[in-house]
Amino acid sequence: MSPLAVFIRTLSRCSAITLGVALVITNPTLEWSGSRPATAQKSPMEAAIDGLITALKDTDAGVRRQAAVALGQRGNARAVPGLIEALKDSDAEVRVRVVIALAELDDQRAAPALVQTLKDSDPRVRTRAIIALGELGDRSAIEPLISLVNDANVDVRKRAILALAEIEDEKAVPAITAALKDSDAGVRRAAVHALSKLAGGDDHNPSPHPNPNPNPNPNPNPNPRPNPQPNVWRY
């Protein structure tokens, strides 16, 4: 190899090393490795959340339930995709905990998956999904919730009615009105509450009378007794 070629190759290597060092100095969050390109480092919190997300796939259902609870308590939106995937868990109690966690995270990305969860075979899961959708106020859930007003499970029917009241869509009025004839008194009470809210009857502070006492006594006590002086000698 000619001396010129050797010089050019050496110069290229030195330039690459200099560029890499400058990149690390100007971007301290990047990781330097001789065998890998520079990558962004995770914060300890992100690493912990990722660990909990991984635990959602543990072989033990108890571990998966505990991971779902922890992710809901942490309130980190990073967990939403992993929790959505966990809605397919084979254990119903795990699915219940996952739905509760998604409700606590209050992230609209979960709404479509929660709507699908309304078809879950376990009424406890359906009930929790109903509550979550009511809190999210997602209008794409209106029709599925209306269909659940006739669910075989009493608690599902009741929760569906209350969720429809939270979302406040007039399309739900006919189904809720029909629920006034439900065989369960709790469902009928929920229907009354929902119709009251949809009718605007949730205002517990009506406007006061503009003049509740049009002729008040200008001097209710024309000869008031002066305030007596306290007896400083009394013990």
C-alpha atoms as a PDB file:
ATOM      1  CA  MET A   1       0.000   0.000   0.000  1.00  0.00           C
ATOM      2  CA  SER A   2       1.370   3.387  -0.938  1.00  0.00           C
ATOM      3  CA  PRO A   3       2.293   5.896   1.767  1.00  0.00           C
ATOM      4  CA  LEU A   4      -0.529   8.174   0.525  1.00  0.00           C
ATOM      5  CA  ALA A   5      -3.160   5.438   0.950  1.00  0.00           C
ATOM      6  CA  VAL A   6      -1.892   4.658   4.455  1.00  0.00           C
ATOM      7  CA  PHE A   7      -2.093   8.343   5.352  1.00  0.00           C
ATOM      8  CA  ILE A   8      -5.676   8.674   4.050  1.00  0.00           C
ATOM      9  CA  ARG A   9      -6.857   5.550   5.927  1.00  0.00           C
ATOM     10  CA  THR A  10      -5.281   6.761   9.176  1.00  0.00           C
ATOM     11  CA  LEU A  11      -6.837  10.195   8.772  1.00  0.00           C
ATOM     12  CA  SER A  12     -10.289   8.661   8.209  1.00  0.00           C
ATOM     13  CA  ARG A  13     -10.054   6.565  11.357  1.00  0.00           C
ATOM     14  CA  CYS A  14      -8.950   9.521  13.443  1.00  0.00           C
ATOM     15  CA  SER A  15     -11.814  11.639  12.085  1.00  0.00           C
ATOM     16  CA  ALA A  16     -14.374   8.955  12.967  1.00  0.00           C
ATOM     17  CA  ILE A  17     -13.036   8.646  16.516  1.00  0.00           C
ATOM     18  CA  THR A  18     -13.018  12.424  16.938  1.00  0.00           C
ATOM     19  CA  LEU A  19     -16.609  12.622  15.703  1.00  0.00           C
ATOM     20  CA  GLY A  20     -17.701   9.891  18.108  1.00  0.00           C
ATOM     21  CA  VAL A  21     -16.052  11.563  21.096  1.00  0.00           C
ATOM     22  CA  ALA A  22     -17.661  14.882  20.207  1.00  0.00           C
ATOM     23  CA  LEU A  23     -21.064  13.173  19.959  1.00  0.00           C
ATOM     24  CA  VAL A  24     -20.743  11.686  23.443  1.00  0.00           C
ATOM     25  CA  ILE A  25     -19.542  14.981  24.939  1.00  0.00           C
ATOM     26  CA  THR A  26     -22.406  16.986  23.443  1.00  0.00           C
ATOM     27  CA  ASN A  27     -24.981  14.266  24.222  1.00  0.00           C
ATOM     28  CA  PRO A  28     -24.198  12.863  27.678  1.00  0.00           C
ATOM     29  CA  THR A  29     -27.406  10.748  27.646  1.00  0.00           C
ATOM     30  CA  LEU A  30     -25.962   8.577  24.868  1.00  0.00           C
ATOM     31  CA  GLU A  31     -24.152   5.356  25.685  1.00  0.00           C
ATOM     32  CA  TRP A  32     -20.698   4.737  24.153  1.00  0.00           C
ATOM     33  CA  SER A  33     -19.778   1.185  23.195  1.00  0.00           C
ATOM     34  CA  GLY A  34     -17.098  -0.173  20.919  1.00  0.00           C
ATOM     35  CA  SER A  35     -19.393  -2.914  19.625  1.00  0.00           C
ATOM     36  CA  ARG A  36     -22.736  -1.054  19.426  1.00  0.00           C
ATOM     37  CA  PRO A  37     -23.892   2.314  18.118  1.00  0.00           C
ATOM     38  CA  ALA A  38     -24.702   5.045  20.652  1.00  0.00           C
ATOM     39  CA  THR A  39     -28.216   4.597  22.098  1.00  0.00           C
ATOM     40  CA  ALA A  40     -30.355   6.657  24.464  1.00  0.00           C
ATOM     41  CA  GLN A  41     -30.175   5.419  28.042  1.00  0.00           C
ATOM     42  CA  LYS A  42     -33.362   4.620  29.989  1.00  0.00           C
ATOM     43  CA  SER A  43     -34.040   6.425  33.216  1.00  0.00           C
ATOM     44  CA  PRO A  44     -34.389   4.244  36.332  1.00  0.00           C
ATOM     45  CA  MET A  45     -38.144   4.895  36.295  1.00  0.00           C
ATOM     46  CA  GLU A  46     -38.471   3.805  32.667  1.00  0.00           C
ATOM     47  CA  ALA A  47     -36.448   0.684  33.375  1.00  0.00           C
ATOM     48  CA  ALA A  48     -38.711  -0.133  36.329  1.00  0.00           C
ATOM     49  CA  ILE A  49     -41.872   0.360  34.254  1.00  0.00           C
ATOM     50  CA  ASP A  50     -40.456  -1.855  31.511  1.00  0.00           C
ATOM     51  CA  GLY A  51     -39.727  -4.507  34.116  1.00  0.00           C
ATOM     52  CA  LEU A  52     -43.329  -4.414  35.303  1.00  0.00           C
ATOM     53  CA  ILE A  53     -44.566  -4.618  31.702  1.00  0.00           C
ATOM     54  CA  THR A  54     -42.419  -7.714  31.223  1.00  0.00           C
ATOM     55  CA  ALA A  55     -43.962  -9.183  34.388  1.00  0.00           C
ATOM     56  CA  LEU A  56     -47.382  -8.989  32.697  1.00  0.00           C
ATOM     57  CA  LYS A  57     -46.246 -12.047  30.700  1.00  0.00           C
ATOM     58  CA  ASP A  58     -45.041 -14.071  33.696  1.00  0.00           C
ATOM     59  CA  THR A  59     -46.130 -17.704  33.838  1.00  0.00           C
ATOM     60  CA  ASP A  60     -47.712 -17.143  37.276  1.00  0.00           C
ATOM     61  CA  ALA A  61     -51.120 -15.413  37.276  1.00  0.00           C
ATOM     62  CA  GLY A  62     -50.462 -13.891  40.700  1.00  0.00           C
ATOM     63  CA  VAL A  63     -47.351 -12.154  39.405  1.00  0.00           C
ATOM     64  CA  ARG A  64     -49.274 -10.835  36.399  1.00  0.00           C
ATOM     65  CA  ARG A  65     -52.054  -9.489  38.642  1.00  0.00           C
ATOM     66  CA  GLN A  66     -49.545  -7.771  40.910  1.00  0.00           C
ATOM     67  CA  ALA A  67     -47.740  -6.238  37.921  1.00  0.00           C
ATOM     68  CA  ALA A  68     -51.006  -4.836  36.564  1.00  0.00           C
ATOM     69  CA  VAL A  69     -51.879  -3.300  39.936  1.00  0.00           C
ATOM     70  CA  ALA A  70     -48.410  -1.747  40.229  1.00  0.00           C
ATOM     71  CA  LEU A  71     -48.578  -0.251  36.726  1.00  0.00           C
ATOM     72  CA  GLY A  72     -51.921   1.338  37.492  1.00  0.00           C
ATOM     73  CA  GLN A  73     -50.574   2.826  40.709  1.00  0.00           C
ATOM     74  CA  ARG A  74     -47.461   4.237  39.026  1.00  0.00           C
ATOM     75  CA  GLY A  75     -49.612   6.175  36.522  1.00  0.00           C
ATOM     76  CA  ASN A  76     -47.016   6.080  33.745  1.00  0.00           C
ATOM     77  CA  ALA A  77     -48.455   6.202  30.206  1.00  0.00           C
ATOM     78  CA  ARG A  78     -45.520   4.080  29.041  1.00  0.00           C
ATOM     79  CA  ALA A  79     -47.468   1.078  30.376  1.00  0.00           C
ATOM     80  CA  VAL A  80     -50.577   1.571  28.211  1.00  0.00           C
ATOM     81  CA  PRO A  81     -49.564  -0.615  25.208  1.00  0.00           C
ATOM     82  CA  GLY A  82     -48.445  -3.468  27.456  1.00  0.00           C
ATOM     83  CA  LEU A  83     -51.637  -3.303  29.494  1.00  0.00           C
ATOM     84  CA  ILE A  84     -53.774  -3.289  26.342  1.00  0.00           C
ATOM     85  CA  GLU A  85     -52.023  -6.453  25.221  1.00  0.00           C
ATOM     86  CA  ALA A  86     -52.642  -7.983  28.658  1.00  0.00           C
ATOM     87  CA  LEU A  87     -56.407  -7.621  28.171  1.00  0.00           C
ATOM     88  CA  LYS A  88     -56.073 -10.941  26.301  1.00  0.00           C
ATOM     89  CA  ASP A  89     -54.754 -12.736  29.394  1.00  0.00           C
ATOM     90  CA  SER A  90     -56.236 -16.189  29.981  1.00  0.00           C
ATOM     91  CA  ASP A  91     -56.902 -15.424  33.670  1.00  0.00           C
ATOM     92  CA  ALA A  92     -60.092 -13.413  34.294  1.00  0.00           C
ATOM     93  CA  GLU A  93     -58.792 -11.866  37.510  1.00  0.00           C
ATOM     94  CA  VAL A  94     -55.703 -10.630  35.669  1.00  0.00           C
ATOM     95  CA  ARG A  95     -57.957  -9.042  33.049  1.00  0.00           C
ATOM     96  CA  VAL A  96     -59.947  -7.347  35.807  1.00  0.00           C
ATOM     97  CA  ARG A  97     -56.755  -5.860  37.273  1.00  0.00           C
ATOM     98  CA  VAL A  98     -55.579  -4.767  33.845  1.00  0.00           C
ATOM     99  CA  VAL A  99     -58.840  -2.930  33.142  1.00  0.00           C
ATOM    100  CA  ILE A 100     -58.639  -1.204  36.526  1.00  0.00           C
ATOM    101  CA  ALA A 101     -55.053  -0.148  35.762  1.00  0.00           C
ATOM    102  CA  LEU A 102     -56.068   1.296  32.388  1.00  0.00           C
ATOM    103  CA  ALA A 103     -58.876   3.219  34.074  1.00  0.00           C
ATOM    104  CA  GLU A 104     -56.382   4.679  36.550  1.00  0.00           C
ATOM    105  CA  LEU A 105     -54.067   5.734  33.718  1.00  0.00           C
ATOM    106  CA  ASP A 106     -56.998   7.565  32.051  1.00  0.00           C
ATOM    107  CA  ASP A 107     -55.486   7.321  28.558  1.00  0.00           C
ATOM    108  CA  GLN A 108     -57.741   7.585  25.493  1.00  0.00           C
ATOM    109  CA  ARG A 109     -55.525   5.119  23.620  1.00  0.00           C
ATOM    110  CA  ALA A 110     -57.108   2.373  25.711  1.00  0.00           C
ATOM    111  CA  ALA A 111     -60.699   3.177  24.664  1.00  0.00           C
ATOM    112  CA  PRO A 112     -60.927   0.925  21.556  1.00  0.00           C
ATOM    113  CA  ALA A 113     -59.504  -2.051  23.450  1.00  0.00           C
ATOM    114  CA  LEU A 114     -61.862  -1.431  26.370  1.00  0.00           C
ATOM    115  CA  VAL A 115     -64.816  -1.368  23.976  1.00  0.00           C
ATOM    116  CA  GLN A 116     -63.773  -4.804  22.745  1.00  0.00           C
ATOM    117  CA  THR A 117     -63.478  -5.949  26.357  1.00  0.00           C
ATOM    118  CA  LEU A 118     -67.209  -5.297  26.773  1.00  0.00           C
ATOM    119  CA  LYS A 119     -67.605  -8.665  25.023  1.00  0.00           C
ATOM    120  CA  ASP A 120     -65.511 -10.503  27.614  1.00  0.00           C
ATOM    121  CA  SER A 121     -66.971 -13.791  28.818  1.00  0.00           C
ATOM    122  CA  ASP A 122     -66.533 -12.839  32.484  1.00  0.00           C
ATOM    123  CA  PRO A 123     -69.113 -10.343  33.856  1.00  0.00           C
ATOM    124  CA  ARG A 124     -66.553  -8.910  36.288  1.00  0.00           C
ATOM    125  CA  VAL A 125     -64.326  -7.902  33.382  1.00  0.00           C
ATOM    126  CA  ARG A 126     -67.271  -6.443  31.465  1.00  0.00           C
ATOM    127  CA  THR A 127     -68.332  -4.474  34.528  1.00  0.00           C
ATOM    128  CA  ARG A 128     -64.866  -2.970  35.016  1.00  0.00           C
ATOM    129  CA  ALA A 129     -64.601  -2.112  31.328  1.00  0.00           C
ATOM    130  CA  ILE A 130     -67.975  -0.337  31.531  1.00  0.00           C
ATOM    131  CA  ILE A 131     -66.823   1.730  34.504  1.00  0.00           C
ATOM    132  CA  ALA A 132     -63.565   2.634  32.737  1.00  0.00           C
ATOM    133  CA  LEU A 133     -65.354   3.743  29.561  1.00  0.00           C
ATOM    134  CA  GLY A 134     -67.802   5.822  31.557  1.00  0.00           C
ATOM    135  CA  GLU A 135     -64.899   7.613  33.238  1.00  0.00           C
ATOM    136  CA  LEU A 136     -63.151   8.139  29.903  1.00  0.00           C
ATOM    137  CA  GLY A 137     -66.378   9.526  28.419  1.00  0.00           C
ATOM    138  CA  ASP A 138     -65.619   7.900  25.077  1.00  0.00           C
ATOM    139  CA  ARG A 139     -68.612   8.269  22.731  1.00  0.00           C
ATOM    140  CA  SER A 140     -67.551   5.342  20.571  1.00  0.00           C
ATOM    141  CA  ALA A 141     -68.752   3.188  23.462  1.00  0.00           C
ATOM    142  CA  ILE A 142     -72.360   4.444  23.324  1.00  0.00           C
ATOM    143  CA  GLU A 143     -73.825   1.678  21.130  1.00  0.00           C
ATOM    144  CA  PRO A 144     -71.965  -1.189  22.859  1.00  0.00           C
ATOM    145  CA  LEU A 145     -73.059   0.158  26.248  1.00  0.00           C
ATOM    146  CA  ILE A 146     -76.675   0.438  25.107  1.00  0.00           C
ATOM    147  CA  SER A 147     -76.585  -3.226  24.116  1.00  0.00           C
ATOM    148  CA  LEU A 148     -75.391  -4.127  27.628  1.00  0.00           C
ATOM    149  CA  VAL A 149     -78.492  -2.592  29.211  1.00  0.00           C
ATOM    150  CA  ASN A 150     -80.046  -5.978  28.370  1.00  0.00           C
ATOM    151  CA  ASP A 151     -77.098  -8.076  29.598  1.00  0.00           C
ATOM    152  CA  ALA A 152     -77.876 -11.266  31.509  1.00  0.00           C
ATOM    153  CA  ASN A 153     -75.843 -10.021  34.499  1.00  0.00           C
ATOM    154  CA  VAL A 154     -77.594  -7.577  36.830  1.00  0.00           C
ATOM    155  CA  ASP A 155     -74.463  -5.637  37.770  1.00  0.00           C
ATOM    156  CA  VAL A 156     -73.467  -5.284  34.115  1.00  0.00           C
ATOM    157  CA  ARG A 157     -76.897  -3.826  33.280  1.00  0.00           C
ATOM    158  CA  LYS A 158     -76.726  -1.393  36.174  1.00  0.00           C
ATOM    159  CA  ARG A 159     -73.187  -0.248  35.395  1.00  0.00           C
ATOM    160  CA  ALA A 160     -73.987   0.175  31.706  1.00  0.00           C
ATOM    161  CA  ILE A 161     -76.883   2.494  32.562  1.00  0.00           C
ATOM    162  CA  LEU A 162     -74.741   4.563  34.929  1.00  0.00           C
ATOM    163  CA  ALA A 163     -71.930   4.795  32.367  1.00  0.00           C
ATOM    164  CA  LEU A 164     -74.368   6.037  29.734  1.00  0.00           C
ATOM    165  CA  ALA A 165     -75.462   8.699  32.184  1.00  0.00           C
ATOM    166  CA  GLU A 166     -71.828   9.751  32.632  1.00  0.00           C
ATOM    167  CA  ILE A 167     -71.266  10.054  28.879  1.00  0.00           C
ATOM    168  CA  GLU A 168     -74.571  11.953  28.536  1.00  0.00           C
ATOM    169  CA  ASP A 169     -75.780  11.019  25.080  1.00  0.00           C
ATOM    170  CA  GLU A 170     -79.490  11.332  24.284  1.00  0.00           C
ATOM    171  CA  LYS A 171     -79.331   8.211  22.109  1.00  0.00           C
ATOM    172  CA  ALA A 172     -79.308   6.196  25.309  1.00  0.00           C
ATOM    173  CA  VAL A 173     -82.665   7.545  26.556  1.00  0.00           C
ATOM    174  CA  PRO A 174     -84.921   4.878  24.944  1.00  0.00           C
ATOM    175  CA  ALA A 175     -82.859   1.978  26.299  1.00  0.00           C
ATOM    176  CA  ILE A 176     -82.631   3.526  29.771  1.00  0.00           C
ATOM    177  CA  THR A 177     -86.373   4.229  29.775  1.00  0.00           C
ATOM    178  CA  ALA A 178     -87.041   0.589  28.922  1.00  0.00           C
ATOM    179  CA  ALA A 179     -84.842  -0.379  31.884  1.00  0.00           C
ATOM    180  CA  LEU A 180     -87.448   1.151  34.204  1.00  0.00           C
ATOM    181  CA  LYS A 181     -89.283  -2.163  33.724  1.00  0.00           C
ATOM    182  CA  ASP A 182     -86.258  -4.292  34.632  1.00  0.00           C
ATOM    183  CA  SER A 183     -86.905  -7.166  37.044  1.00  0.00           C
ATOM    184  CA  ASP A 184     -84.154  -5.902  39.374  1.00  0.00           C
ATOM    185  CA  ALA A 185     -84.900  -2.899  41.590  1.00  0.00           C
ATOM    186  CA  GLY A 186     -81.239  -1.812  41.572  1.00  0.00           C
ATOM    187  CA  VAL A 187     -81.300  -1.579  37.782  1.00  0.00           C
ATOM    188  CA  ARG A 188     -84.534   0.420  37.924  1.00  0.00           C
ATOM    189  CA  ARG A 189     -82.995   2.818  40.454  1.00  0.00           C
ATOM    190  CA  ALA A 190     -79.977   3.246  38.180  1.00  0.00           C
ATOM    191  CA  ALA A 191     -82.328   4.016  35.297  1.00  0.00           C
ATOM    192  CA  VAL A 192     -84.125   6.689  37.339  1.00  0.00           C
ATOM    193  CA  HIS A 193     -80.787   8.285  38.273  1.00  0.00           C
ATOM    194  CA  ALA A 194     -79.578   8.197  34.659  1.00  0.00           C
ATOM    195  CA  LEU A 195     -82.774   9.716  33.254  1.00  0.00           C
ATOM    196  CA  SER A 196     -82.659  12.442  35.883  1.00  0.00           C
ATOM    197  CA  LYS A 197     -79.111  13.308  34.863  1.00  0.00           C
ATOM    198  CA  LEU A 198     -79.898  13.208  31.142  1.00  0.00           C
ATOM    199  CA  ALA A 199     -82.908  15.457  31.760  1.00  0.00           C
ATOM    200  CA  GLY A 200     -80.701  18.006  33.473  1.00  0.00           C
ATOM    201  CA  GLY A 201     -81.917  17.138  36.936  1.00  0.00           C
ATOM    202  CA  ASP A 202     -78.445  16.848  38.411  1.00  0.00           C
ATOM    203  CA  ASP A 203     -78.446  20.448  39.611  1.00  0.00           C
ATOM    204  CA  HIS A 204     -78.715  20.347  43.378  1.00  0.00           C
ATOM    205  CA  ASN A 205     -78.296  24.118  43.733  1.00  0.00           C
ATOM    206  CA  PRO A 206     -81.284  25.803  42.102  1.00  0.00           C
ATOM    207  CA  SER A 207     -81.217  29.556  41.692  1.00  0.00           C
ATOM    208  CA  PRO A 208     -82.384  31.256  44.882  1.00  0.00           C
ATOM    209  CA  HIS A 209     -85.447  33.455  44.949  1.00  0.00           C
ATOM    210  CA  PRO A 210     -84.388  36.938  43.780  1.00  0.00           C
ATOM    211  CA  ASN A 211     -85.985  38.459  46.866  1.00  0.00           C
ATOM    212  CA  PRO A 212     -86.910  35.812  49.415  1.00  0.00           C
ATOM    213  CA  ASN A 213     -88.108  38.427  51.920  1.00  0.00           C
ATOM    214  CA  PRO A 214     -89.518  41.428  50.033  1.00  0.00           C
ATOM    215  CA  ASN A 215     -90.369  43.393  53.216  1.00  0.00           C
ATOM    216  CA  PRO A 216     -87.701  42.686  55.753  1.00  0.00           C
ATOM    217  CA  ASN A 217     -87.938  44.393  59.116  1.00  0.00           C
ATOM    218  CA  PRO A 218     -85.415  47.261  58.892  1.00  0.00           C
ATOM    219  CA  ASN A 219     -84.824  47.008  62.640  1.00  0.00           C
ATOM    220  CA  PRO A 220     -85.782  43.626  63.991  1.00  0.00           C
ATOM    221  CA  ASN A 221     -84.806  44.707  67.533  1.00  0.00           C
ATOM    222  CA  PRO A 222     -85.252  48.473  67.979  1.00  0.00           C
ATOM    223  CA  ASN A 223     -83.931  48.359  71.584  1.00  0.00           C
ATOM    224  CA  PRO A 224     -81.191  45.830  71.564  1.00  0.00           C
ATOM    225  CA  ARG A 225     -79.631  45.017  74.907  1.00  0.00           C
ATOM    226  CA  PRO A 226     -76.040  46.201  75.046  1.00  0.00           C
ATOM    227  CA  ASN A 227     -73.497  43.485  75.226  1.00  0.00           C
ATOM    228  CA  PRO A 228     -72.873  42.758  78.904  1.00  0.00           C
ATOM    229  CA  GLN A 229     -69.340  43.088  80.150  1.00  0.00           C
ATOM    230  CA  PRO A 230     -67.832  39.781  81.124  1.00  0.00           C
ATOM    231  CA  ASN A 231     -67.371  39.167  84.849  1.00  0.00           C
ATOM    232  CA  VAL A 232     -63.621  39.060  85.067  1.00  0.00           C
ATOM    233  CA  TRP A 233     -63.819  37.872  88.686  1.00  0.00           C
ATOM    234  CA  ARG A 234     -65.811  34.766  87.921  1.00  0.00           C
ATOM    235  CA  TYR A 235     -63.854  31.548  88.026  1.00  0.00           C
END
